[in-house]
């Protein structure tokens, strides 16, 4: 994929870096996050997923046309003494909350921070820029930026820095370097979506970059179809691939927004503990906001 001249942070933390903006989460950022835990309440930011059966035929249970998780049950013994299953998971499915690793989006034949694609992704798997970098988990302060507290943004709305500034002002909390932002647009995944969802613009990505955000999570990311054909996927092509900012896509934000409104505060400890599955381009996660 060829891109125009754009902001580029590759090399900021060295040629072998695999953490990107997660390097911004220092002890002070984690301590700031810990200070937000006052009552012990936690809120999940993951969409629930009902696995679809791998079985076909007239007696198979109904399933969506493209399920994010498929399941085949295994029975041991007669009668069964134990049960297990085989799962087929599509990590980057829009109905599945997941974190993108850098290898998910090569740009100009390289993977962040500039490693040649042929060296990083081989027949044996992903050797650089994979989910291995998330094995220790992520803990930092999260800030909810609710772009549409009264409902949801208009269809195809281009999200700019002005939208993020306004949401920050409404939240009454300053986003600081090392923080994660959770962005709510009011749009979530739907199998029956007819209208085009909003999308982040290059201007919004630059706002995130200039604020020193360590991690982005939201119910909105790049719009499809693209609102700007010149830069169709700014969150992925710039944010993930050039600025080294991990993305958590398909985030459930309504329960979080309701909790923030109830408690009168929009900052919390954000904890992400992905399964320790190495060498992947992405993996499902269940982020926890703890107040």
Protein backbone atom coordinates (compact mmCIF):
# COMPACT_ATOMS: atom_id res chain seq x y z
CA UNK A 1 0.00 0.00 0.00
CA UNK A 2 1.36 3.43 -0.96
CA UNK A 3 0.58 6.45 1.21
CA UNK A 4 1.27 10.16 0.87
CA UNK A 5 3.75 11.99 3.10
CA UNK A 6 2.30 11.66 6.59
CA UNK A 7 3.45 12.02 10.20
CA UNK A 8 5.71 9.13 11.05
CA UNK A 9 7.04 8.06 14.46
CA UNK A 10 8.77 4.90 13.27
CA UNK A 11 12.17 4.66 14.90
CA UNK A 12 11.23 6.80 17.91
CA UNK A 13 11.95 3.92 20.27
CA UNK A 14 14.51 2.12 18.13
CA UNK A 15 14.57 -0.24 15.18
CA UNK A 16 13.58 -3.29 17.26
CA UNK A 17 10.72 -1.71 19.20
CA UNK A 18 7.46 -3.68 19.43
CA UNK A 19 5.60 -1.59 22.03
CA UNK A 20 5.11 1.67 20.16
CA UNK A 21 3.11 4.17 22.19
CA UNK A 22 2.78 1.66 25.03
CA UNK A 23 6.28 2.93 25.89
CA UNK A 24 4.50 6.07 27.14
CA UNK A 25 2.94 4.09 30.00
CA UNK A 26 5.52 4.66 32.73
CA UNK A 27 5.26 4.18 36.49
CA UNK A 28 3.72 7.62 36.88
CA UNK A 29 0.98 6.78 34.37
CA UNK A 30 0.18 3.52 36.16
CA UNK A 31 0.16 5.28 39.55
CA UNK A 32 -2.22 7.88 38.12
CA UNK A 33 -4.46 5.04 37.00
CA UNK A 34 -4.41 3.42 40.44
CA UNK A 35 -5.60 6.67 42.01
CA UNK A 36 -8.82 6.40 39.99
CA UNK A 37 -9.86 3.19 41.81
CA UNK A 38 -12.05 4.40 44.67
CA UNK A 39 -15.13 2.16 44.90
CA UNK A 40 -13.96 -1.04 43.16
CA UNK A 41 -16.65 -1.17 40.48
CA UNK A 42 -15.63 -2.68 37.13
CA UNK A 43 -17.22 -2.39 33.70
CA UNK A 44 -16.46 -4.64 30.74
CA UNK A 45 -15.82 -2.97 27.39
CA UNK A 46 -16.17 -6.17 25.33
CA UNK A 47 -19.12 -7.19 23.21
CA UNK A 48 -20.68 -10.52 24.21
CA UNK A 49 -20.28 -13.19 21.54
CA UNK A 50 -22.37 -16.34 21.15
CA UNK A 51 -20.26 -18.94 19.28
CA UNK A 52 -21.90 -20.34 16.17
CA UNK A 53 -21.94 -24.08 15.57
CA UNK A 54 -19.60 -25.46 12.91
CA UNK A 55 -22.28 -28.02 12.07
CA UNK A 56 -24.31 -27.57 8.92
CA UNK A 57 -27.52 -29.02 7.60
CA UNK A 58 -31.21 -28.65 8.39
CA UNK A 59 -30.82 -29.43 12.11
CA UNK A 60 -27.96 -27.01 12.78
CA UNK A 61 -28.82 -24.03 14.98
CA UNK A 62 -29.21 -20.69 13.16
CA UNK A 63 -26.11 -18.52 12.96
CA UNK A 64 -25.16 -15.11 11.55
CA UNK A 65 -23.77 -15.16 8.00
CA UNK A 66 -20.21 -14.46 9.11
CA UNK A 67 -19.74 -15.40 12.79
CA UNK A 68 -16.64 -14.18 14.66
CA UNK A 69 -16.39 -17.44 16.65
CA UNK A 70 -17.33 -20.95 15.54
CA UNK A 71 -17.52 -23.92 17.89
CA UNK A 72 -17.47 -27.70 17.59
CA UNK A 73 -18.12 -29.61 20.81
CA UNK A 74 -16.03 -32.66 21.61
CA UNK A 75 -17.39 -35.43 23.84
CA UNK A 76 -15.11 -37.78 25.77
CA UNK A 77 -16.46 -41.18 26.73
CA UNK A 78 -19.91 -42.80 26.68
CA UNK A 79 -21.67 -41.39 28.57
CA UNK A 80 -19.49 -38.24 28.36
CA UNK A 81 -17.03 -37.94 31.23
CA UNK A 82 -15.77 -34.58 30.02
CA UNK A 83 -16.34 -32.07 27.28
CA UNK A 84 -14.18 -29.72 25.28
CA UNK A 85 -14.41 -27.88 21.98
CA UNK A 86 -12.59 -26.69 18.92
CA UNK A 87 -12.88 -22.98 18.26
CA UNK A 88 -12.31 -21.04 15.07
CA UNK A 89 -11.83 -17.37 15.96
CA UNK A 90 -11.59 -14.49 13.49
CA UNK A 91 -9.70 -11.92 15.60
CA UNK A 92 -10.36 -8.84 13.45
CA UNK A 93 -14.09 -9.46 13.08
CA UNK A 94 -16.12 -6.26 13.70
CA UNK A 95 -18.42 -8.10 16.11
CA UNK A 96 -15.49 -9.18 18.30
CA UNK A 97 -13.64 -6.81 20.65
CA UNK A 98 -9.96 -7.21 19.78
CA UNK A 99 -6.57 -5.51 19.87
CA UNK A 100 -4.61 -4.95 16.67
CA UNK A 101 -0.90 -5.72 16.58
CA UNK A 102 1.40 -3.80 14.25
CA UNK A 103 1.75 -6.66 11.76
CA UNK A 104 -1.97 -6.29 11.03
CA UNK A 105 -1.26 -3.24 8.85
CA UNK A 106 1.96 -3.23 6.78
CA UNK A 107 2.67 0.04 4.95
CA UNK A 108 4.98 0.35 1.97
CA UNK A 109 6.29 -3.16 2.51
CA UNK A 110 7.24 -2.65 6.14
CA UNK A 111 5.87 -3.39 9.58
CA UNK A 112 6.25 -0.86 12.42
CA UNK A 113 8.84 0.44 13.17
CA UNK A 114 10.09 -0.13 9.63
CA UNK A 115 11.02 -3.81 9.54
CA UNK A 116 10.77 -5.38 6.04
CA UNK A 117 7.56 -7.34 5.67
CA UNK A 118 9.37 -10.42 4.32
CA UNK A 119 11.39 -10.58 7.56
CA UNK A 120 8.50 -10.06 9.93
CA UNK A 121 5.73 -12.19 8.44
CA UNK A 122 6.79 -15.59 7.12
CA UNK A 123 5.21 -18.97 6.46
CA UNK A 124 6.07 -19.82 10.06
CA UNK A 125 4.08 -16.92 11.50
CA UNK A 126 4.66 -13.34 12.66
CA UNK A 127 8.16 -12.78 14.00
CA UNK A 128 7.91 -9.04 14.76
CA UNK A 129 5.08 -6.65 15.58
CA UNK A 130 2.77 -9.39 16.81
CA UNK A 131 0.57 -9.97 19.85
CA UNK A 132 3.69 -11.16 21.68
CA UNK A 133 4.20 -7.50 22.65
CA UNK A 134 0.94 -7.53 24.66
CA UNK A 135 1.81 -10.61 26.73
CA UNK A 136 2.46 -8.63 29.92
CA UNK A 137 -0.90 -6.88 29.67
CA UNK A 138 -1.63 -3.15 29.71
CA UNK A 139 -2.59 -1.04 32.72
CA UNK A 140 -2.99 2.72 32.51
CA UNK A 141 -5.50 5.48 33.13
CA UNK A 142 -8.41 5.49 30.71
CA UNK A 143 -10.51 8.54 29.83
CA UNK A 144 -13.92 8.28 28.18
CA UNK A 145 -14.48 10.82 25.42
CA UNK A 146 -18.21 10.66 24.71
CA UNK A 147 -18.82 12.36 21.37
CA UNK A 148 -22.59 12.03 21.58
CA UNK A 149 -23.82 11.95 25.19
CA UNK A 150 -27.44 12.45 24.09
CA UNK A 151 -27.47 9.59 21.61
CA UNK A 152 -25.19 9.00 18.65
CA UNK A 153 -23.32 10.98 16.02
CA UNK A 154 -24.93 11.55 12.63
CA UNK A 155 -24.31 9.01 9.92
CA UNK A 156 -20.96 9.41 8.10
CA UNK A 157 -19.89 12.17 10.50
CA UNK A 158 -16.18 12.99 10.07
CA UNK A 159 -14.70 13.06 13.58
CA UNK A 160 -12.16 15.86 14.02
CA UNK A 161 -10.02 17.33 16.76
CA UNK A 162 -12.85 19.75 17.55
CA UNK A 163 -15.11 16.81 18.44
CA UNK A 164 -12.43 15.38 20.74
CA UNK A 165 -11.77 18.76 22.36
CA UNK A 166 -15.48 19.19 23.05
CA UNK A 167 -15.77 15.71 24.55
CA UNK A 168 -12.73 16.33 26.76
CA UNK A 169 -14.26 19.59 28.00
CA UNK A 170 -17.55 17.84 28.81
CA UNK A 171 -15.66 15.11 30.66
CA UNK A 172 -13.95 17.69 32.85
CA UNK A 173 -10.66 15.79 32.81
CA UNK A 174 -7.46 16.48 30.90
CA UNK A 175 -6.06 13.67 28.76
CA UNK A 176 -2.40 13.25 29.70
CA UNK A 177 0.54 11.50 27.99
CA UNK A 178 0.41 7.77 28.66
CA UNK A 179 -3.38 7.74 29.07
CA UNK A 180 -5.66 5.58 26.95
CA UNK A 181 -8.75 7.10 25.39
CA UNK A 182 -12.03 5.28 25.00
CA UNK A 183 -14.15 7.02 22.37
CA UNK A 184 -17.92 6.64 22.20
CA UNK A 185 -19.84 7.68 19.09
CA UNK A 186 -23.06 5.85 19.93
CA UNK A 187 -22.58 3.49 16.99
CA UNK A 188 -21.91 -0.17 17.57
CA UNK A 189 -21.63 -3.21 15.36
CA UNK A 190 -24.89 -4.33 13.77
CA UNK A 191 -25.55 -7.17 11.33
CA UNK A 192 -28.32 -5.05 9.80
CA UNK A 193 -26.55 -1.69 9.54
CA UNK A 194 -27.89 0.35 6.63
CA UNK A 195 -26.35 3.78 7.28
CA UNK A 196 -22.64 4.55 7.10
CA UNK A 197 -21.09 4.92 10.53
CA UNK A 198 -18.95 7.94 11.51
CA UNK A 199 -15.19 7.75 11.10
CA UNK A 200 -12.01 9.25 12.48
CA UNK A 201 -10.18 11.76 10.29
CA UNK A 202 -6.46 12.45 9.94
CA UNK A 203 -7.07 15.56 12.06
CA UNK A 204 -8.45 13.39 14.89
CA UNK A 205 -5.53 10.98 14.66
CA UNK A 206 -3.11 13.89 14.94
CA UNK A 207 -4.94 15.13 18.06
CA UNK A 208 -4.45 11.70 19.61
CA UNK A 209 -0.78 11.72 18.61
CA UNK A 210 -0.05 15.20 19.93
CA UNK A 211 -1.67 14.31 23.28
CA UNK A 212 0.67 11.35 23.75
CA UNK A 213 -2.10 8.76 23.89
CA UNK A 214 -0.77 5.27 24.57
CA UNK A 215 -3.75 3.24 23.40
CA UNK A 216 -6.96 3.87 21.48
CA UNK A 217 -10.21 2.01 22.16
CA UNK A 218 -13.55 2.90 20.67
CA UNK A 219 -16.87 1.96 19.15
CA UNK A 220 -15.73 3.97 16.13
CA UNK A 221 -12.55 3.88 14.09
CA UNK A 222 -12.12 4.09 10.32
CA UNK A 223 -15.31 4.57 8.35
CA UNK A 224 -16.44 2.12 5.68
CA UNK A 225 -16.82 3.02 2.92
CA UNK A 226 -14.05 5.60 3.46
CA UNK A 227 -15.15 9.19 3.90
CA UNK A 228 -11.81 10.38 2.49
CA UNK A 229 -10.60 8.35 -0.52
CA UNK A 230 -7.17 10.02 -0.27
CA UNK A 231 -6.66 8.52 3.19
CA UNK A 232 -9.16 5.66 3.58
CA UNK A 233 -7.97 4.27 6.95
CA UNK A 234 -6.23 6.96 9.01
CA UNK A 235 -6.51 5.08 12.32
CA UNK A 236 -4.80 2.03 10.87
CA UNK A 237 -2.48 3.50 8.23
CA UNK A 238 -1.29 6.40 10.42
CA UNK A 239 -2.18 5.55 14.02
CA UNK A 240 -1.27 1.87 14.04
CA UNK A 241 1.30 1.51 11.26
CA UNK A 242 3.17 4.84 11.39
CA UNK A 243 2.70 6.17 14.92
CA UNK A 244 2.84 2.76 16.62
CA UNK A 245 -0.41 3.11 18.58
CA UNK A 246 -2.19 -0.19 19.33
CA UNK A 247 -5.91 -0.11 18.57
CA UNK A 248 -8.73 -1.88 20.37
CA UNK A 249 -11.56 -2.15 17.85
CA UNK A 250 -15.24 -2.89 18.37
CA UNK A 251 -15.49 -1.64 21.94
CA UNK A 252 -18.77 -1.70 23.86
CA UNK A 253 -19.07 1.80 25.34
CA UNK A 254 -22.68 2.26 26.49
CA UNK A 255 -22.30 0.62 29.93
CA UNK A 256 -19.12 2.62 30.49
CA UNK A 257 -20.85 5.87 29.53
CA UNK A 258 -23.73 5.11 31.88
CA UNK A 259 -21.34 4.37 34.75
CA UNK A 260 -19.34 7.56 34.11
CA UNK A 261 -22.57 9.59 34.10
CA UNK A 262 -23.75 7.96 37.32
CA UNK A 263 -20.45 8.51 39.14
CA UNK A 264 -19.84 11.96 37.66
CA UNK A 265 -16.33 11.16 36.44
CA UNK A 266 -14.85 10.01 33.16
CA UNK A 267 -11.44 8.68 34.24
CA UNK A 268 -10.74 5.16 35.47
CA UNK A 269 -8.10 2.44 35.63
CA UNK A 270 -8.09 0.58 32.32
CA UNK A 271 -6.84 -3.01 32.51
CA UNK A 272 -6.25 -5.18 29.45
CA UNK A 273 -5.02 -8.74 29.87
CA UNK A 274 -4.94 -10.44 26.47
CA UNK A 275 -4.47 -14.21 26.29
CA UNK A 276 -0.79 -14.99 25.91
CA UNK A 277 -1.08 -16.12 22.31
CA UNK A 278 2.14 -15.10 20.59
CA UNK A 279 2.81 -14.42 16.93
CA UNK A 280 -0.66 -13.23 15.92
CA UNK A 281 -1.81 -10.05 14.16
CA UNK A 282 -4.60 -9.55 16.67
CA UNK A 283 -6.32 -11.23 19.59
CA UNK A 284 -9.69 -10.91 21.39
CA UNK A 285 -9.63 -8.90 24.61
CA UNK A 286 -12.00 -8.04 27.44
CA UNK A 287 -10.91 -4.57 28.66
CA UNK A 288 -11.97 -3.65 32.18
CA UNK A 289 -12.66 -0.11 33.37
CA UNK A 290 -12.27 -0.02 37.17
CA UNK A 291 -13.57 2.89 39.26
